[in-house]
Amino acid sequence: MTLAYLPSPSQGVWHLGPLPIRAYALCILLGIVVAVMWTGRRWAARGGRSEDVVDIAIWAVPFGLVGGRLYHVITDPELYFKSGEDPVKAFYIWDGGLGIWGAVALGAVGAWIGCRRKGIKLADFADAMAPALVLAQAIGRWGNYFNQELYGRPSGLPWAIRIDPAHRPSNTPNEAFYQPTFLYESIWDVAVAVALVWIDSKWHPNRGRLFAMYVAAYTAGRAVVEALRDDHANRFLGLRLNDWVSLIVFLGALAYLWLRRDKPGTAVVTEPDTGSDPDSDTDLVQPVHPDDPDPQASATTPTVRDRKADE
């Protein structure tokens, strides 16, 4: 018997009269609010307007939620469409089930629409958003804690989480303690956010490269978490489907970083920002860095545009 363990929450839903208040939804909403606020600060420090972030989020958030749910339903259709299941539950987003890669993919489409409407280059905005996005994921993962889902295999570790009988998997109904994989992923996400801030302050990667670093780092940690999980998952060639998706996305991020690397012969030209074309091949590095300890001191730094000599 495990003498020390993490307890499960006594409840995940509270009722305000006839209105249910779900902890899962609150965690998702809190993550979104934190991401919008922090991205606004980072974007303003790059010379943009913080209110632009709210306007872009109006497009990105609904697209992301729909994409996350679609990914979950498409990759696990038997949970909703096989004999004996209720297809209407595919719309029950409050019960959990948001696939991160569907959320990122369709959320990026929404962000692209918002950026186009504002005349903002998507790659620049993605770099500003990257640390805030992964921190939002860390916060959202606690919704899985309240739903008692996305835990791992049975465990006797002191930090194992106790799962109530109603939420235990059918193959281990008598086991009470499991790996808290949602917690591992949340901790990893926070570590990635800290690392991205440090990398950004030290090397200032632009042109979407900081976002690609987020993707690569997150997928690397997700692979470890997936290896500890033993819940329902469709498999292909012996691996969970999420493992394959993570591997493909990880390789894509590395390829992007390689193609966008700084090459010998890069020319640096100092000139004022025209801000005219969000799809231009020039890449804007704004004068004030978001994590600069003295933004006022940096405000006099001239705007810099990087141009590759061979482009």
Protein backbone atom coordinates (compact mmCIF):
# COMPACT_ATOMS: atom_id res chain seq x y z
CA MET A 1 0.00 0.00 0.00
CA THR A 2 1.22 3.51 -0.84
CA LEU A 3 1.64 5.45 2.41
CA ALA A 4 2.17 8.84 0.73
CA TYR A 5 0.28 9.91 -2.36
CA LEU A 6 -1.41 12.81 -4.12
CA PRO A 7 -5.15 12.84 -3.40
CA SER A 8 -7.71 13.29 -6.14
CA PRO A 9 -9.99 16.32 -5.89
CA SER A 10 -13.23 15.72 -4.06
CA GLN A 11 -15.15 17.25 -6.96
CA GLY A 12 -14.56 18.87 -10.32
CA VAL A 13 -17.91 20.58 -10.77
CA TRP A 14 -19.65 23.18 -8.63
CA HIS A 15 -23.18 24.43 -9.21
CA LEU A 16 -24.17 28.06 -9.15
CA GLY A 17 -27.90 27.52 -9.10
CA PRO A 18 -28.64 25.56 -12.30
CA LEU A 19 -25.30 26.59 -13.84
CA PRO A 20 -22.45 24.04 -13.55
CA ILE A 21 -18.99 25.53 -12.98
CA ARG A 22 -16.43 23.02 -14.21
CA ALA A 23 -12.83 23.07 -13.02
CA TYR A 24 -11.64 21.75 -16.39
CA ALA A 25 -13.14 24.76 -18.18
CA LEU A 26 -11.77 27.16 -15.56
CA CYS A 27 -8.23 25.80 -16.03
CA ILE A 28 -8.49 26.20 -19.80
CA LEU A 29 -9.85 29.74 -19.46
CA LEU A 30 -7.17 30.69 -16.93
CA GLY A 31 -4.48 29.42 -19.30
CA ILE A 32 -5.94 31.49 -22.14
CA VAL A 33 -6.09 34.65 -20.02
CA VAL A 34 -2.49 34.23 -18.84
CA ALA A 35 -1.31 33.57 -22.40
CA VAL A 36 -3.08 36.64 -23.80
CA MET A 37 -1.78 38.93 -21.05
CA TRP A 38 1.82 37.73 -21.25
CA THR A 39 1.84 37.70 -25.04
CA GLY A 40 0.50 41.26 -24.97
CA ARG A 41 3.40 42.33 -22.78
CA ARG A 42 5.96 40.59 -24.97
CA TRP A 43 4.41 41.93 -28.17
CA ALA A 44 4.34 45.49 -26.85
CA ALA A 45 8.01 45.18 -25.88
CA ARG A 46 8.74 44.32 -29.50
CA GLY A 47 7.17 47.56 -30.64
CA GLY A 48 3.67 46.24 -31.31
CA ARG A 49 0.40 47.18 -29.65
CA SER A 50 -0.71 44.98 -26.77
CA GLU A 51 -4.37 45.36 -27.78
CA ASP A 52 -3.54 43.62 -31.07
CA VAL A 53 -3.07 40.39 -29.11
CA VAL A 54 -6.67 40.44 -27.90
CA ASP A 55 -7.92 41.00 -31.45
CA ILE A 56 -5.83 38.09 -32.73
CA ALA A 57 -6.91 35.88 -29.81
CA ILE A 58 -10.54 36.43 -30.79
CA TRP A 59 -9.71 34.44 -33.92
CA ALA A 60 -7.09 32.05 -32.57
CA VAL A 61 -8.86 30.80 -29.42
CA PRO A 62 -12.11 29.54 -31.01
CA PHE A 63 -10.17 27.98 -33.87
CA GLY A 64 -7.84 26.32 -31.35
CA LEU A 65 -10.66 24.89 -29.25
CA VAL A 66 -12.39 23.47 -32.31
CA GLY A 67 -9.12 22.07 -33.63
CA GLY A 68 -8.25 20.48 -30.29
CA ARG A 69 -11.63 18.77 -30.08
CA LEU A 70 -11.53 17.62 -33.70
CA TYR A 71 -8.11 16.07 -33.18
CA HIS A 72 -9.34 14.18 -30.14
CA VAL A 73 -12.51 12.91 -31.82
CA ILE A 74 -10.76 11.95 -35.07
CA THR A 75 -7.95 10.06 -33.33
CA ASP A 76 -10.32 8.29 -30.88
CA PRO A 77 -13.57 7.89 -32.84
CA GLU A 78 -14.54 4.66 -31.08
CA LEU A 79 -15.18 6.63 -27.89
CA TYR A 80 -18.16 8.28 -29.57
CA PHE A 81 -19.23 6.40 -32.69
CA LYS A 82 -18.99 2.69 -32.01
CA SER A 83 -22.04 0.66 -31.09
CA GLY A 84 -23.40 1.58 -27.66
CA GLU A 85 -21.76 5.02 -27.52
CA ASP A 86 -23.54 8.36 -27.78
CA PRO A 87 -22.21 10.41 -30.74
CA VAL A 88 -23.58 13.61 -29.20
CA LYS A 89 -20.88 13.33 -26.51
CA ALA A 90 -18.34 14.26 -29.17
CA PHE A 91 -19.47 17.82 -28.48
CA TYR A 92 -19.06 17.52 -24.68
CA ILE A 93 -15.84 19.48 -24.53
CA TRP A 94 -16.27 20.03 -20.78
CA ASP A 95 -15.72 16.31 -20.17
CA GLY A 96 -12.13 16.66 -21.36
CA GLY A 97 -10.54 15.71 -24.63
CA LEU A 98 -8.55 18.46 -26.36
CA GLY A 99 -5.68 17.34 -28.59
CA ILE A 100 -2.84 19.84 -28.38
CA TRP A 101 -1.73 19.43 -31.97
CA GLY A 102 -5.20 20.02 -33.33
CA ALA A 103 -5.43 23.10 -31.12
CA VAL A 104 -2.06 24.43 -32.28
CA ALA A 105 -2.71 23.68 -35.96
CA LEU A 106 -6.17 25.20 -36.23
CA GLY A 107 -5.30 27.89 -33.69
CA ALA A 108 -2.45 28.91 -35.99
CA VAL A 109 -4.97 29.32 -38.80
CA GLY A 110 -7.03 31.61 -36.60
CA ALA A 111 -3.90 33.53 -35.57
CA TRP A 112 -2.91 33.89 -39.22
CA ILE A 113 -6.30 35.39 -40.03
CA GLY A 114 -6.00 37.80 -37.10
CA CYS A 115 -2.44 38.74 -38.05
CA ARG A 116 -3.43 39.37 -41.67
CA ARG A 117 -6.20 41.68 -40.54
CA LYS A 118 -3.70 43.61 -38.41
CA GLY A 119 -0.85 43.62 -40.93
CA ILE A 120 1.35 41.56 -38.60
CA LYS A 121 3.78 38.89 -39.69
CA LEU A 122 2.70 35.55 -38.19
CA ALA A 123 6.26 34.33 -37.51
CA ASP A 124 7.03 37.43 -35.43
CA PHE A 125 3.82 37.05 -33.46
CA ALA A 126 4.47 33.33 -32.90
CA ASP A 127 7.86 34.10 -31.34
CA ALA A 128 6.24 36.56 -28.95
CA MET A 129 3.57 34.01 -28.07
CA ALA A 130 5.70 30.85 -27.64
CA PRO A 131 6.57 31.03 -23.90
CA ALA A 132 3.04 32.18 -23.02
CA LEU A 133 1.47 29.37 -25.04
CA VAL A 134 3.39 26.60 -23.31
CA LEU A 135 2.66 28.17 -19.91
CA ALA A 136 -1.04 28.12 -20.82
CA GLN A 137 -0.67 24.41 -21.54
CA ALA A 138 0.87 23.91 -18.09
CA ILE A 139 -2.13 25.58 -16.48
CA GLY A 140 -4.66 23.75 -18.64
CA ARG A 141 -3.21 20.37 -17.68
CA TRP A 142 -4.62 20.83 -14.19
CA GLY A 143 -8.05 20.43 -15.71
CA ASN A 144 -7.09 16.78 -16.21
CA TYR A 145 -6.40 16.55 -12.48
CA PHE A 146 -9.95 17.65 -11.64
CA ASN A 147 -11.38 15.27 -14.27
CA GLN A 148 -9.16 12.43 -12.98
CA GLU A 149 -7.88 11.64 -16.47
CA LEU A 150 -4.63 11.39 -18.41
CA TYR A 151 -2.79 9.65 -15.60
CA GLY A 152 -0.25 6.90 -16.20
CA ARG A 153 0.37 3.34 -15.15
CA PRO A 154 -0.18 1.94 -11.64
CA SER A 155 2.55 3.17 -9.32
CA GLY A 156 3.74 2.87 -5.74
CA LEU A 157 5.75 6.10 -5.84
CA PRO A 158 5.20 8.58 -2.98
CA TRP A 159 3.85 11.12 -5.49
CA ALA A 160 1.47 8.68 -7.18
CA ILE A 161 -2.07 9.99 -7.48
CA ARG A 162 -5.06 8.19 -6.04
CA ILE A 163 -7.80 7.72 -8.63
CA ASP A 164 -11.39 7.08 -7.58
CA PRO A 165 -12.91 3.74 -8.72
CA ALA A 166 -15.27 5.43 -11.19
CA HIS A 167 -12.30 6.88 -13.10
CA ARG A 168 -9.99 3.86 -13.11
CA PRO A 169 -9.27 1.97 -16.33
CA SER A 170 -11.11 -1.30 -16.88
CA ASN A 171 -7.87 -3.29 -17.11
CA THR A 172 -6.71 -2.22 -13.60
CA PRO A 173 -9.93 -1.64 -11.62
CA ASN A 174 -8.42 -2.71 -8.31
CA GLU A 175 -5.37 -0.44 -8.52
CA ALA A 176 -5.81 2.85 -6.67
CA PHE A 177 -2.52 4.71 -7.34
CA TYR A 178 -1.15 5.84 -10.71
CA GLN A 179 1.61 7.95 -12.24
CA PRO A 180 0.45 11.61 -12.33
CA THR A 181 1.50 12.14 -15.95
CA PHE A 182 -0.58 15.31 -16.25
CA LEU A 183 1.60 16.75 -13.46
CA TYR A 184 4.82 15.69 -15.20
CA GLU A 185 3.69 17.40 -18.37
CA SER A 186 2.69 20.55 -16.50
CA ILE A 187 6.10 20.76 -14.83
CA TRP A 188 7.84 20.17 -18.18
CA ASP A 189 5.77 22.92 -19.79
CA VAL A 190 6.81 25.41 -17.11
CA ALA A 191 10.45 24.41 -17.61
CA VAL A 192 10.11 24.93 -21.37
CA ALA A 193 8.59 28.39 -20.81
CA VAL A 194 11.51 29.37 -18.57
CA ALA A 195 14.02 28.01 -21.10
CA LEU A 196 12.40 29.92 -23.96
CA VAL A 197 12.53 33.19 -22.02
CA TRP A 198 16.21 32.61 -21.28
CA ILE A 199 17.03 31.72 -24.90
CA ASP A 200 15.07 34.74 -26.12
CA SER A 201 16.88 37.11 -23.78
CA LYS A 202 20.31 35.73 -24.69
CA TRP A 203 20.12 35.08 -28.46
CA HIS A 204 16.91 36.81 -29.66
CA PRO A 205 15.90 34.15 -32.22
CA ASN A 206 13.43 35.54 -34.75
CA ARG A 207 11.55 34.49 -37.91
CA GLY A 208 9.54 31.89 -36.02
CA ARG A 209 12.58 30.12 -34.64
CA LEU A 210 11.63 30.59 -30.98
CA PHE A 211 8.24 29.07 -31.72
CA ALA A 212 9.95 26.13 -33.44
CA MET A 213 12.09 25.65 -30.33
CA TYR A 214 8.92 25.51 -28.26
CA VAL A 215 7.50 22.84 -30.58
CA ALA A 216 10.68 20.75 -30.45
CA ALA A 217 11.04 21.01 -26.68
CA TYR A 218 7.41 20.26 -25.95
CA THR A 219 7.30 17.19 -28.20
CA ALA A 220 10.48 15.81 -26.62
CA GLY A 221 8.90 15.98 -23.18
CA ARG A 222 5.57 14.70 -24.47
CA ALA A 223 7.31 11.55 -25.76
CA VAL A 224 8.46 10.75 -22.21
CA VAL A 225 5.00 11.38 -20.78
CA GLU A 226 3.35 9.18 -23.41
CA ALA A 227 5.70 6.32 -22.49
CA LEU A 228 4.35 6.41 -18.92
CA ARG A 229 0.68 6.36 -19.91
CA ASP A 230 -1.37 3.19 -20.10
CA ASP A 231 -4.82 4.57 -20.91
CA HIS A 232 -6.83 3.97 -24.05
CA ALA A 233 -4.99 4.98 -27.22
CA ASN A 234 -4.99 3.86 -30.83
CA ARG A 235 -1.66 2.43 -31.93
CA PHE A 236 0.20 2.21 -35.21
CA LEU A 237 3.22 -0.08 -35.64
CA GLY A 238 3.36 -0.61 -31.90
CA LEU A 239 3.42 3.09 -30.93
CA ARG A 240 0.63 5.28 -29.63
CA LEU A 241 -0.75 7.59 -32.29
CA ASN A 242 0.31 10.62 -30.24
CA ASP A 243 3.89 9.33 -30.32
CA TRP A 244 3.86 9.32 -34.12
CA VAL A 245 2.36 12.79 -34.29
CA SER A 246 4.89 14.11 -31.79
CA LEU A 247 7.76 12.55 -33.75
CA ILE A 248 6.60 14.06 -37.04
CA VAL A 249 6.06 17.49 -35.47
CA PHE A 250 9.44 17.29 -33.70
CA LEU A 251 11.24 16.53 -36.97
CA GLY A 252 9.31 19.33 -38.68
CA ALA A 253 10.44 21.79 -36.01
CA LEU A 254 14.06 20.72 -36.40
CA ALA A 255 13.79 21.07 -40.18
CA TYR A 256 12.38 24.57 -39.79
CA LEU A 257 15.21 25.56 -37.46
CA TRP A 258 17.76 24.21 -39.93
CA LEU A 259 16.24 26.02 -42.90
CA ARG A 260 15.92 29.25 -40.92
CA ARG A 261 19.42 29.15 -39.45
CA ASP A 262 21.68 32.17 -39.79
CA LYS A 263 24.02 31.64 -42.72
CA PRO A 264 27.42 33.22 -43.42
CA GLY A 265 27.09 36.44 -45.37
CA THR A 266 24.05 37.77 -43.48
CA ALA A 267 23.89 41.53 -43.87
CA VAL A 268 22.58 43.79 -41.11
CA VAL A 269 21.05 47.06 -42.26
CA THR A 270 19.88 49.83 -39.96
CA GLU A 271 16.78 51.65 -41.18
CA PRO A 272 13.44 52.79 -39.84
CA ASP A 273 10.51 50.38 -39.73
CA THR A 274 7.93 50.89 -42.45
CA GLY A 275 5.65 48.13 -41.20
CA SER A 276 4.07 47.98 -44.64
CA ASP A 277 4.02 44.34 -45.65
CA PRO A 278 3.46 41.47 -43.18
CA ASP A 279 4.53 38.96 -45.85
CA SER A 280 7.81 40.66 -46.72
CA ASP A 281 10.97 38.57 -46.72
CA THR A 282 12.61 41.00 -44.31
CA ASP A 283 12.49 40.14 -40.63
CA LEU A 284 11.85 42.76 -38.00
CA VAL A 285 13.63 42.77 -34.67
CA GLN A 286 12.00 45.39 -32.49
CA PRO A 287 14.09 47.77 -30.38
CA VAL A 288 12.94 46.71 -26.92
CA HIS A 289 13.23 43.13 -25.73
CA PRO A 290 10.42 41.71 -23.57
CA ASP A 291 12.74 40.52 -20.83
CA ASP A 292 15.09 43.51 -20.87
CA PRO A 293 15.66 44.55 -17.25
CA ASP A 294 15.69 48.21 -18.34
CA PRO A 295 13.26 48.75 -21.24
CA GLN A 296 13.70 52.52 -21.09
CA ALA A 297 17.41 52.17 -21.62
CA SER A 298 16.80 50.01 -24.67
CA ALA A 299 14.21 52.31 -26.19
CA THR A 300 16.89 54.33 -27.96
CA THR A 301 18.26 51.30 -29.82
CA PRO A 302 17.59 51.68 -33.55
CA THR A 303 15.26 49.32 -35.32
CA VAL A 304 17.14 46.59 -37.12
CA ARG A 305 16.16 44.60 -40.18
CA ASP A 306 18.06 41.45 -41.07
CA ARG A 307 18.46 40.65 -44.70
CA LYS A 308 20.15 37.56 -46.08
CA ALA A 309 22.70 38.40 -48.74
CA ASP A 310 21.59 35.52 -50.92
CA GLU A 311 17.83 36.30 -50.81
